[in-house]
Amino acid sequence: MKKLISWIIRRVPRKYLQIISPLALKVLAIFYRGDKVHCPVCSKNFKKFLPYGRGESARNNALCPNCLSLERHRLMHLYLKEKTNFFKDQLKVLHIAPEACFIKRFDKMPNLDYITADLESPLAKVKMDVHDIPFDASTFDVAFCNHVMEHVDDDIKAMSEIHRVLKPGGWAIIQVPFIAEGLELTYEDANIISPSERFKAFGQEDHVRMYGTDYGIRLQQGGFEVIEDDYVMHLDKALVEKYSLPSKEIVYLCKKV
């Protein structure tokens, strides 16, 4: 199963995966019924989650077969519920590169004016380049933009655009993958353009940089006040295992003051 999913991820374009995978995984979910793991996004139980990832980096017990949440999505859902006003207040929300596990759930929430946007995704309402967001300044209370900055040409420009469209007092969650353990300075090289060389340098064929622990500083350069929240590290280990959460992921809460 791990090899099959890895092959599909590498060979099928993301925009097509977003269309076909929900139905295919609904069928697989029948064979994963159980009660060992729980998905807090869709509130379903399974004997385990599906593997997910590319090649040797594929992770066991990662993908919820019902809603398609991954470890980071389940962590974000818990974080939003426990540490923000997302489920309580009336909010105008911009969700860039929206994750399938969240779209329908957030769209149905009566307290949200919820707008999805992406350059290619067929799931998004607005076609948009994050370098040039087509909304006025101070439009949104909340923005999400996860696992996007490693793909864009100018990440500081993209960050500053998200900052621009947030209202004063608004906040964003902007997550990125960290592949190299202990990397201090973000590594990027505009001369690396072939997919194979990008895979060697940045860990994935369509990545243009590998982030280091200076990521929070880069978000500050985009205009944000940044809280690097180690929320998951303070959760009970049994809960982390039950939900299959990333054990060390920092949540980057970005505020516009």
Protein backbone atom coordinates (compact mmCIF):
# COMPACT_ATOMS: atom_id res chain seq x y z
CA MET A 1 0.00 0.00 0.00
CA LYS A 2 2.82 2.42 0.89
CA LYS A 3 4.53 1.91 -2.48
CA LEU A 4 1.25 2.29 -4.39
CA ILE A 5 0.33 5.56 -2.67
CA SER A 6 3.88 6.89 -3.13
CA TRP A 7 3.72 6.10 -6.86
CA ILE A 8 0.33 7.79 -7.24
CA ILE A 9 1.49 10.95 -5.43
CA ARG A 10 4.56 11.25 -7.65
CA ARG A 11 2.85 10.46 -10.95
CA VAL A 12 -0.64 12.00 -10.77
CA PRO A 13 -0.90 15.83 -10.82
CA ARG A 14 -2.26 17.32 -7.62
CA LYS A 15 -5.31 18.89 -9.26
CA TYR A 16 -6.46 15.44 -10.45
CA LEU A 17 -5.65 13.79 -7.14
CA GLN A 18 -7.94 16.26 -5.41
CA ILE A 19 -10.84 15.07 -7.56
CA ILE A 20 -10.38 11.29 -7.58
CA SER A 21 -8.83 10.48 -4.20
CA PRO A 22 -11.86 11.20 -1.93
CA LEU A 23 -13.98 8.55 -3.63
CA ALA A 24 -11.16 5.98 -3.83
CA LEU A 25 -10.31 6.41 -0.16
CA LYS A 26 -13.94 6.14 0.92
CA VAL A 27 -13.82 2.58 -0.44
CA LEU A 28 -10.55 1.85 1.39
CA ALA A 29 -12.00 3.21 4.62
CA ILE A 30 -14.30 0.18 4.81
CA PHE A 31 -11.27 -2.08 5.28
CA TYR A 32 -9.70 0.17 7.92
CA ARG A 33 -12.59 0.15 10.38
CA GLY A 34 -11.49 -0.08 14.01
CA ASP A 35 -10.93 2.04 17.09
CA LYS A 36 -7.18 2.34 17.58
CA VAL A 37 -6.84 5.81 16.00
CA HIS A 38 -9.23 8.76 15.87
CA CYS A 39 -9.43 11.64 13.41
CA PRO A 40 -10.46 14.87 15.19
CA VAL A 41 -11.29 16.50 11.84
CA CYS A 42 -14.06 14.08 10.79
CA SER A 43 -14.56 12.30 14.15
CA LYS A 44 -14.08 8.84 12.61
CA ASN A 45 -12.22 5.89 14.15
CA PHE A 46 -9.99 3.38 12.37
CA LYS A 47 -7.65 0.52 13.16
CA LYS A 48 -4.93 2.70 11.61
CA PHE A 49 -4.50 5.51 9.12
CA LEU A 50 -3.16 4.96 5.61
CA PRO A 51 0.52 5.47 4.73
CA TYR A 52 1.38 8.66 2.88
CA GLY A 53 4.44 10.24 1.28
CA ARG A 54 6.98 9.89 -1.49
CA GLY A 55 9.46 7.04 -1.78
CA GLU A 56 11.49 6.27 1.32
CA SER A 57 10.03 9.26 3.14
CA ALA A 58 6.52 7.74 3.06
CA ARG A 59 5.02 7.68 6.57
CA ASN A 60 2.92 4.95 8.14
CA ASN A 61 -0.34 5.80 9.92
CA ALA A 62 -0.65 9.23 8.28
CA LEU A 63 -3.69 9.69 5.99
CA CYS A 64 -7.29 9.53 7.22
CA PRO A 65 -9.18 7.43 4.64
CA ASN A 66 -12.44 9.26 5.36
CA CYS A 67 -11.57 12.98 5.17
CA LEU A 68 -7.98 12.87 3.82
CA SER A 69 -6.49 14.65 6.80
CA LEU A 70 -2.77 14.20 7.45
CA GLU A 71 -0.91 14.57 10.73
CA ARG A 72 -0.46 18.32 10.27
CA HIS A 73 -4.15 18.84 9.46
CA ARG A 74 -5.26 17.04 12.60
CA LEU A 75 -2.85 19.15 14.62
CA MET A 76 -4.12 22.36 13.02
CA HIS A 77 -7.75 21.41 13.74
CA LEU A 78 -6.97 20.81 17.41
CA TYR A 79 -4.96 24.03 17.59
CA LEU A 80 -7.76 26.10 16.06
CA LYS A 81 -10.25 24.65 18.51
CA GLU A 82 -8.10 24.95 21.63
CA LYS A 83 -6.08 28.12 21.06
CA THR A 84 -7.97 30.45 18.69
CA ASN A 85 -11.37 32.09 18.19
CA PHE A 86 -11.89 30.27 14.88
CA PHE A 87 -14.90 28.20 15.96
CA LYS A 88 -16.50 30.97 18.04
CA ASP A 89 -16.35 34.43 16.46
CA GLN A 90 -17.75 35.86 13.24
CA LEU A 91 -14.76 35.81 10.89
CA LYS A 92 -13.96 36.46 7.25
CA VAL A 93 -11.46 33.77 6.21
CA LEU A 94 -9.12 33.39 3.24
CA HIS A 95 -7.92 29.81 2.75
CA ILE A 96 -5.08 29.60 0.22
CA ALA A 97 -4.42 26.17 -1.33
CA PRO A 98 -7.31 24.73 0.69
CA GLU A 99 -6.94 21.21 2.03
CA ALA A 100 -9.73 18.82 1.05
CA CYS A 101 -10.30 17.72 4.63
CA PHE A 102 -11.25 21.27 5.67
CA ILE A 103 -13.14 22.80 2.74
CA LYS A 104 -16.68 21.47 3.24
CA ARG A 105 -16.44 21.60 7.02
CA PHE A 106 -15.28 25.21 7.16
CA ASP A 107 -17.69 26.27 4.40
CA LYS A 108 -20.64 25.01 6.47
CA MET A 109 -19.66 26.85 9.65
CA PRO A 110 -22.24 29.61 10.24
CA ASN A 111 -19.73 31.94 11.90
CA LEU A 112 -17.43 32.04 8.87
CA ASP A 113 -17.44 33.99 5.62
CA TYR A 114 -15.13 31.46 4.00
CA ILE A 115 -13.26 32.01 0.72
CA THR A 116 -10.91 29.46 -0.86
CA ALA A 117 -8.25 30.44 -3.39
CA ASP A 118 -5.55 28.72 -5.41
CA LEU A 119 -3.68 29.10 -8.69
CA GLU A 120 -4.61 25.61 -9.97
CA SER A 121 -6.81 23.69 -7.54
CA PRO A 122 -10.28 22.80 -8.90
CA LEU A 123 -11.54 22.85 -5.31
CA ALA A 124 -10.95 26.58 -4.80
CA LYS A 125 -13.54 29.29 -5.43
CA VAL A 126 -11.05 31.95 -6.57
CA LYS A 127 -8.17 31.51 -9.03
CA MET A 128 -5.32 33.44 -7.47
CA ASP A 129 -1.55 33.92 -7.45
CA VAL A 130 -0.39 34.36 -3.86
CA HIS A 131 2.19 36.90 -5.05
CA ASP A 132 -0.66 39.19 -6.12
CA ILE A 133 -3.77 38.54 -4.01
CA PRO A 134 -6.84 40.14 -5.69
CA PHE A 135 -8.44 41.52 -2.52
CA ASP A 136 -8.25 44.92 -0.89
CA ALA A 137 -6.05 45.58 2.11
CA SER A 138 -7.55 44.74 5.51
CA THR A 139 -10.24 42.43 4.10
CA PHE A 140 -9.83 39.26 6.18
CA ASP A 141 -9.76 38.35 9.86
CA VAL A 142 -7.99 35.03 9.28
CA ALA A 143 -5.84 33.46 6.57
CA PHE A 144 -4.50 29.95 6.10
CA CYS A 145 -1.67 29.13 3.71
CA ASN A 146 -0.02 25.80 4.43
CA HIS A 147 2.72 24.03 2.48
CA VAL A 148 2.75 26.70 -0.21
CA MET A 149 5.78 28.90 0.52
CA GLU A 150 8.25 26.18 -0.49
CA HIS A 151 6.73 26.31 -4.01
CA VAL A 152 6.58 30.05 -4.74
CA ASP A 153 9.18 32.22 -6.47
CA ASP A 154 9.26 34.95 -3.81
CA ASP A 155 8.11 33.75 -0.41
CA ILE A 156 8.63 37.09 1.37
CA LYS A 157 6.44 38.81 -1.24
CA ALA A 158 3.76 36.14 -0.79
CA MET A 159 3.91 36.52 2.99
CA SER A 160 3.61 40.29 2.70
CA GLU A 161 0.55 39.90 0.47
CA ILE A 162 -1.17 37.76 3.09
CA HIS A 163 -0.22 40.36 5.70
CA ARG A 164 -1.66 43.13 3.50
CA VAL A 165 -5.11 41.57 3.12
CA LEU A 166 -5.48 40.84 6.85
CA LYS A 167 -7.24 43.33 9.07
CA PRO A 168 -5.25 44.87 11.94
CA GLY A 169 -5.55 42.33 14.75
CA GLY A 170 -6.05 39.53 12.22
CA TRP A 171 -3.99 36.36 12.21
CA ALA A 172 -2.76 33.66 9.87
CA ILE A 173 -1.34 30.17 10.09
CA ILE A 174 1.38 29.65 7.49
CA GLN A 175 3.05 26.25 7.78
CA VAL A 176 5.87 24.76 5.68
CA PRO A 177 7.63 21.39 5.65
CA PHE A 178 10.98 21.01 7.37
CA ILE A 179 12.99 18.21 5.80
CA ALA A 180 16.59 18.70 6.92
CA GLU A 181 16.94 18.16 10.67
CA GLY A 182 18.74 21.04 12.36
CA LEU A 183 19.04 23.27 9.26
CA GLU A 184 19.48 26.83 10.54
CA LEU A 185 19.34 28.96 7.38
CA THR A 186 16.79 28.44 4.63
CA TYR A 187 18.47 27.04 1.53
CA GLU A 188 17.41 28.24 -1.92
CA ASP A 189 19.14 28.53 -5.29
CA ALA A 190 17.35 29.99 -8.32
CA ASN A 191 19.78 28.17 -10.62
CA ILE A 192 18.37 24.79 -9.58
CA ILE A 193 15.49 24.30 -12.01
CA SER A 194 15.26 20.67 -13.10
CA PRO A 195 12.89 18.40 -11.16
CA SER A 196 15.61 15.87 -10.38
CA GLU A 197 18.01 18.52 -9.05
CA ARG A 198 15.24 20.14 -7.01
CA PHE A 199 14.44 16.77 -5.50
CA LYS A 200 18.08 16.34 -4.44
CA ALA A 201 18.37 19.89 -3.11
CA PHE A 202 14.96 20.54 -1.57
CA GLY A 203 13.39 17.11 -1.02
CA GLN A 204 10.66 17.37 -3.67
CA GLU A 205 10.60 17.99 -7.42
CA ASP A 206 8.38 21.08 -7.20
CA HIS A 207 10.03 22.74 -4.20
CA VAL A 208 12.28 25.76 -4.70
CA ARG A 209 13.69 26.05 -1.17
CA MET A 210 14.23 24.09 2.01
CA TYR A 211 13.32 25.99 5.15
CA GLY A 212 15.54 26.24 8.18
CA THR A 213 14.87 27.35 11.71
CA ASP A 214 15.02 30.95 10.45
CA TYR A 215 11.52 30.51 9.01
CA GLY A 216 9.97 32.65 11.73
CA ILE A 217 12.37 35.47 10.82
CA ARG A 218 11.28 35.26 7.19
CA LEU A 219 7.64 35.58 8.28
CA GLN A 220 8.62 38.68 10.25
CA GLN A 221 10.17 40.09 7.07
CA GLY A 222 6.72 39.68 5.53
CA GLY A 223 5.38 42.03 8.21
CA PHE A 224 4.07 39.63 10.83
CA GLU A 225 4.46 39.37 14.55
CA VAL A 226 5.18 35.64 14.89
CA ILE A 227 4.43 33.21 17.70
CA GLU A 228 6.26 29.89 17.32
CA ASP A 229 3.93 27.65 19.32
CA ASP A 230 5.15 24.20 20.40
CA TYR A 231 1.56 23.27 21.31
CA VAL A 232 1.84 19.61 20.30
CA MET A 233 4.82 19.03 22.56
CA HIS A 234 2.66 19.78 25.59
CA LEU A 235 -0.12 17.35 24.68
CA ASP A 236 -0.44 14.00 26.38
CA LYS A 237 1.62 11.40 24.48
CA ALA A 238 -1.33 9.01 24.40
CA LEU A 239 -3.40 11.70 22.66
CA VAL A 240 -0.63 12.39 20.14
CA GLU A 241 -0.57 8.67 19.34
CA LYS A 242 -4.36 8.30 19.24
CA TYR A 243 -4.69 11.16 16.74
CA SER A 244 -1.38 10.37 14.99
CA LEU A 245 -0.08 13.91 15.26
CA PRO A 246 3.37 15.21 14.27
CA SER A 247 5.30 15.02 17.53
CA LYS A 248 7.51 18.10 17.04
CA GLU A 249 5.77 20.43 14.56
CA ILE A 250 5.80 24.11 15.49
CA VAL A 251 2.63 26.06 14.71
CA TYR A 252 3.50 29.45 13.20
CA LEU A 253 0.79 31.85 14.36
CA CYS A 254 1.28 35.07 12.41
CA LYS A 255 -0.38 38.25 13.69
CA LYS A 256 -0.96 41.61 12.05
CA VAL A 257 -0.60 44.28 14.72
